[in-house]
Amino acid sequence: MRMSPEEVEAVADLARMNLDPGQLERMRSDLGEILESMKALDDADVADVKPLFNPAETDANVTRRDEVVESGIAEQFLASAPKREGDFVVVPRFVGDEEEKDA
């Protein structure tokens, strides 16, 4: 299915694209190929397919309960820190005056 040059220009205007004539022709060709590939969906047998209004309604993405579990990763991280104070890693100051950085 080929789009007319006017249709391609209208799409380009909607997308706020300024295309020169060569780009418009390439876009016309690309959009034509996309529309042709979409025509393949016309041949799909969907008679027995239930309409899907919300992807969350499927059983394909079953989620687990959101439960807090202790993984121990925080303590492993803190144990590898060069310097720490309690549950915090101490790092050199890097924001502020030059004088403050030297302190």
Protein backbone atom coordinates (compact mmCIF):
# COMPACT_ATOMS: atom_id res chain seq x y z
CA MET A 1 0.00 0.00 0.00
CA ARG A 2 1.57 3.24 -1.13
CA MET A 3 0.81 6.51 0.58
CA SER A 4 0.39 9.64 -1.48
CA PRO A 5 3.05 12.33 -1.16
CA GLU A 6 0.42 14.54 0.47
CA GLU A 7 -0.32 11.89 3.12
CA VAL A 8 3.38 11.52 3.90
CA GLU A 9 3.75 15.30 4.18
CA ALA A 10 0.78 15.38 6.57
CA VAL A 11 2.36 12.67 8.75
CA ALA A 12 5.68 14.51 8.71
CA ASP A 13 3.92 17.73 9.73
CA LEU A 14 2.19 15.95 12.61
CA ALA A 15 5.57 14.61 13.73
CA ARG A 16 7.06 18.11 13.39
CA MET A 17 9.56 16.83 10.85
CA ASN A 18 10.97 19.06 8.13
CA LEU A 19 11.86 16.70 5.31
CA ASP A 20 13.39 17.57 1.96
CA PRO A 21 11.90 15.93 -1.18
CA GLY A 22 14.39 13.02 -1.08
CA GLN A 23 13.62 12.31 2.56
CA LEU A 24 9.88 12.52 1.86
CA GLU A 25 10.21 9.91 -0.88
CA ARG A 26 12.28 7.62 1.36
CA MET A 27 9.70 8.08 4.14
CA ARG A 28 6.94 7.29 1.65
CA SER A 29 8.71 4.06 0.72
CA ASP A 30 9.36 3.11 4.37
CA LEU A 31 5.78 3.82 5.45
CA GLY A 32 4.51 1.83 2.46
CA GLU A 33 6.59 -1.19 3.55
CA ILE A 34 5.29 -0.88 7.12
CA LEU A 35 1.68 -0.74 5.92
CA GLU A 36 2.24 -3.73 3.63
CA SER A 37 3.61 -5.79 6.51
CA MET A 38 0.61 -4.80 8.64
CA LYS A 39 -1.70 -6.20 5.93
CA ALA A 40 -0.48 -9.65 6.95
CA LEU A 41 -2.57 -9.21 10.10
CA ASP A 42 -5.68 -9.14 7.93
CA ASP A 43 -5.10 -12.84 7.15
CA ALA A 44 -4.77 -13.86 10.82
CA ASP A 45 -7.62 -16.02 12.10
CA VAL A 46 -8.75 -14.32 15.29
CA ALA A 47 -12.28 -15.72 15.46
CA ASP A 48 -11.58 -17.63 18.69
CA VAL A 49 -9.39 -14.97 20.31
CA LYS A 50 -10.88 -13.18 23.27
CA PRO A 51 -10.43 -9.38 23.05
CA LEU A 52 -7.77 -8.05 25.39
CA PHE A 53 -8.51 -4.64 26.83
CA ASN A 54 -5.76 -4.60 29.44
CA PRO A 55 -2.50 -6.58 29.26
CA ALA A 56 -2.63 -7.08 33.04
CA GLU A 57 -5.70 -9.28 32.57
CA THR A 58 -3.64 -12.14 31.14
CA ASP A 59 -2.25 -15.06 33.12
CA ALA A 60 1.09 -14.67 31.34
CA ASN A 61 2.49 -12.24 33.91
CA VAL A 62 1.69 -13.76 37.26
CA THR A 63 3.41 -11.80 40.01
CA ARG A 64 4.51 -12.95 43.43
CA ARG A 65 3.49 -11.33 46.69
CA ASP A 66 5.63 -8.36 47.60
CA GLU A 67 7.23 -9.49 50.85
CA VAL A 68 10.25 -8.07 52.64
CA VAL A 69 13.04 -10.63 52.98
CA GLU A 70 16.43 -10.15 54.59
CA SER A 71 19.11 -10.77 51.98
CA GLY A 72 22.21 -9.68 53.90
CA ILE A 73 23.48 -7.77 50.87
CA ALA A 74 23.64 -4.46 52.78
CA GLU A 75 26.00 -5.92 55.38
CA GLN A 76 28.16 -7.49 52.65
CA PHE A 77 28.39 -4.11 50.94
CA LEU A 78 29.21 -2.26 54.14
CA ALA A 79 31.84 -4.86 55.05
CA SER A 80 33.67 -4.14 51.80
CA ALA A 81 33.62 -0.34 52.26
CA PRO A 82 37.01 1.22 53.02
CA LYS A 83 35.49 3.41 55.74
CA ARG A 84 32.09 3.33 57.42
CA GLU A 85 30.19 4.88 60.27
CA GLY A 86 27.42 2.62 61.48
CA ASP A 87 25.21 1.76 58.50
CA PHE A 88 26.78 4.45 56.28
CA VAL A 89 29.78 4.50 53.93
CA VAL A 90 32.10 7.47 54.49
CA VAL A 91 33.29 9.08 51.25
CA PRO A 92 35.42 12.17 50.58
CA ARG A 93 33.47 15.41 50.18
CA PHE A 94 33.26 16.44 46.53
CA VAL A 95 30.72 19.30 46.59
CA GLY A 96 31.56 22.78 47.84
CA ASP A 97 34.41 25.30 47.86
CA GLU A 98 37.95 24.29 47.07
CA GLU A 99 38.83 25.08 50.68
CA GLU A 100 36.14 22.70 51.93
CA LYS A 101 37.48 19.89 49.72
CA ASP A 102 40.90 20.12 51.38
CA ALA A 103 39.43 19.85 54.88
